[in-house]
Amino acid sequence: MAAGIREGLRAAELRARPDVLEAEGVAGLYRIGDCLEPRRSPIASSTGKRLAREIDSGDPATPRPFISEQLVPAVADLRDPAVQVA
């Protein structure tokens, strides 16, 4: 373990020392939860869950748009007899 991480450097100090991160094989530092701002527990933990899901994306620091798992047709589509809903 590199001296900087062993010594418990803060994230801001580690950002300023990319050599320490590189020596440990750390690809990036991300702020989540209450580190960003005071939040309620479920919201704070959801930022960690989001980062875990998106860590392999091109830019894990930027949340990807929420996409529902189930697509619901618009009301206008339901009125159209040509549209078949399963």
C-alpha atoms as a PDB file:
ATOM      1  CA  MET A   1       0.000   0.000   0.000  1.00  0.00           C
ATOM      2  CA  ALA A   2       1.318   3.424  -0.924  1.00  0.00           C
ATOM      3  CA  ALA A   3       2.296   5.759   1.872  1.00  0.00           C
ATOM      4  CA  GLY A   4      -0.370   8.342   0.989  1.00  0.00           C
ATOM      5  CA  ILE A   5      -3.279   5.941   1.289  1.00  0.00           C
ATOM      6  CA  ARG A   6      -1.829   4.266   4.363  1.00  0.00           C
ATOM      7  CA  GLU A   7      -1.513   7.664   6.034  1.00  0.00           C
ATOM      8  CA  GLY A   8      -5.207   8.313   5.490  1.00  0.00           C
ATOM      9  CA  LEU A   9      -4.958  11.260   3.116  1.00  0.00           C
ATOM     10  CA  ARG A  10      -8.248  12.943   2.354  1.00  0.00           C
ATOM     11  CA  ALA A  11      -9.797  12.746  -1.107  1.00  0.00           C
ATOM     12  CA  ALA A  12      -8.787  16.326  -1.940  1.00  0.00           C
ATOM     13  CA  GLU A  13      -5.183  15.542  -1.007  1.00  0.00           C
ATOM     14  CA  LEU A  14      -5.248  12.339  -3.048  1.00  0.00           C
ATOM     15  CA  ARG A  15      -6.615  14.190  -6.087  1.00  0.00           C
ATOM     16  CA  ALA A  16      -3.620  16.479  -5.851  1.00  0.00           C
ATOM     17  CA  ARG A  17      -1.299  13.449  -5.731  1.00  0.00           C
ATOM     18  CA  PRO A  18      -2.132  11.262  -8.754  1.00  0.00           C
ATOM     19  CA  ASP A  19       1.186   9.448  -8.269  1.00  0.00           C
ATOM     20  CA  VAL A  20      -0.140   7.924  -5.032  1.00  0.00           C
ATOM     21  CA  LEU A  21      -3.344   6.790  -6.758  1.00  0.00           C
ATOM     22  CA  GLU A  22      -1.451   5.356  -9.704  1.00  0.00           C
ATOM     23  CA  ALA A  23       0.924   3.446  -7.411  1.00  0.00           C
ATOM     24  CA  GLU A  24      -2.118   1.768  -5.814  1.00  0.00           C
ATOM     25  CA  GLY A  25      -3.836   1.057  -9.132  1.00  0.00           C
ATOM     26  CA  VAL A  26      -6.745   3.407  -8.362  1.00  0.00           C
ATOM     27  CA  ALA A  27      -8.399   4.513 -11.603  1.00  0.00           C
ATOM     28  CA  GLY A  28     -10.574   7.265 -10.130  1.00  0.00           C
ATOM     29  CA  LEU A  29     -11.979   8.955  -7.049  1.00  0.00           C
ATOM     30  CA  TYR A  30     -15.717   9.569  -6.859  1.00  0.00           C
ATOM     31  CA  ARG A  31     -17.678  11.496  -4.249  1.00  0.00           C
ATOM     32  CA  ILE A  32     -20.986   9.916  -3.218  1.00  0.00           C
ATOM     33  CA  GLY A  33     -23.600  10.160  -0.488  1.00  0.00           C
ATOM     34  CA  ASP A  34     -23.123  12.695   2.285  1.00  0.00           C
ATOM     35  CA  CYS A  35     -19.738  13.636   0.847  1.00  0.00           C
ATOM     36  CA  LEU A  36     -21.625  15.730  -1.703  1.00  0.00           C
ATOM     37  CA  GLU A  37     -24.104  17.352   0.693  1.00  0.00           C
ATOM     38  CA  PRO A  38     -26.123  16.320   3.752  1.00  0.00           C
ATOM     39  CA  ARG A  39     -28.866  13.911   2.647  1.00  0.00           C
ATOM     40  CA  ARG A  40     -31.285  11.399   4.074  1.00  0.00           C
ATOM     41  CA  SER A  41     -29.891   7.871   4.356  1.00  0.00           C
ATOM     42  CA  PRO A  42     -31.835   6.256   1.470  1.00  0.00           C
ATOM     43  CA  ILE A  43     -30.848   9.015  -0.936  1.00  0.00           C
ATOM     44  CA  ALA A  44     -27.228   9.027   0.210  1.00  0.00           C
ATOM     45  CA  SER A  45     -26.942   5.254  -0.212  1.00  0.00           C
ATOM     46  CA  SER A  46     -28.646   5.357  -3.614  1.00  0.00           C
ATOM     47  CA  THR A  47     -25.778   7.453  -5.002  1.00  0.00           C
ATOM     48  CA  GLY A  48     -23.387   4.654  -4.065  1.00  0.00           C
ATOM     49  CA  LYS A  49     -25.675   2.092  -5.666  1.00  0.00           C
ATOM     50  CA  ARG A  50     -25.848   4.189  -8.848  1.00  0.00           C
ATOM     51  CA  LEU A  51     -22.077   4.516  -8.993  1.00  0.00           C
ATOM     52  CA  ALA A  52     -21.684   0.761  -8.520  1.00  0.00           C
ATOM     53  CA  ARG A  53     -24.032   0.130 -11.475  1.00  0.00           C
ATOM     54  CA  GLU A  54     -22.296   2.670 -13.705  1.00  0.00           C
ATOM     55  CA  ILE A  55     -18.648   2.306 -12.655  1.00  0.00           C
ATOM     56  CA  ASP A  56     -17.717   0.706 -15.987  1.00  0.00           C
ATOM     57  CA  SER A  57     -19.472   3.365 -18.083  1.00  0.00           C
ATOM     58  CA  GLY A  58     -17.537   6.015 -19.975  1.00  0.00           C
ATOM     59  CA  ASP A  59     -18.016   8.672 -17.272  1.00  0.00           C
ATOM     60  CA  PRO A  60     -19.116   7.184 -13.931  1.00  0.00           C
ATOM     61  CA  ALA A  61     -19.061  10.603 -12.229  1.00  0.00           C
ATOM     62  CA  THR A  62     -22.012  11.747 -14.376  1.00  0.00           C
ATOM     63  CA  PRO A  63     -25.291   9.936 -13.669  1.00  0.00           C
ATOM     64  CA  ARG A  64     -26.831   8.296 -16.706  1.00  0.00           C
ATOM     65  CA  PRO A  65     -30.488   9.070 -17.449  1.00  0.00           C
ATOM     66  CA  PHE A  66     -32.995   6.902 -15.627  1.00  0.00           C
ATOM     67  CA  ILE A  67     -34.625   4.359 -17.923  1.00  0.00           C
ATOM     68  CA  SER A  68     -37.624   2.469 -16.653  1.00  0.00           C
ATOM     69  CA  GLU A  69     -37.408  -1.290 -16.921  1.00  0.00           C
ATOM     70  CA  GLN A  70     -40.953  -1.501 -18.243  1.00  0.00           C
ATOM     71  CA  LEU A  71     -42.110   0.676 -21.112  1.00  0.00           C
ATOM     72  CA  VAL A  72     -45.708   1.819 -20.817  1.00  0.00           C
ATOM     73  CA  PRO A  73     -47.479   2.866 -24.009  1.00  0.00           C
ATOM     74  CA  ALA A  74     -48.914   6.359 -24.145  1.00  0.00           C
ATOM     75  CA  VAL A  75     -52.676   6.753 -23.719  1.00  0.00           C
ATOM     76  CA  ALA A  76     -52.986   7.838 -27.351  1.00  0.00           C
ATOM     77  CA  ASP A  77     -51.358   4.562 -28.424  1.00  0.00           C
ATOM     78  CA  LEU A  78     -53.951   2.567 -26.472  1.00  0.00           C
ATOM     79  CA  ARG A  79     -56.765   4.248 -28.403  1.00  0.00           C
ATOM     80  CA  ASP A  80     -55.231   3.255 -31.739  1.00  0.00           C
ATOM     81  CA  PRO A  81     -56.623  -0.147 -32.805  1.00  0.00           C
ATOM     82  CA  ALA A  82     -53.442  -0.818 -34.817  1.00  0.00           C
ATOM     83  CA  VAL A  83     -51.363  -0.826 -31.615  1.00  0.00           C
ATOM     84  CA  GLN A  84     -51.389  -4.168 -29.854  1.00  0.00           C
ATOM     85  CA  VAL A  85     -50.448  -4.249 -26.197  1.00  0.00           C
ATOM     86  CA  ALA A  86     -49.147  -7.552 -24.869  1.00  0.00           C
END
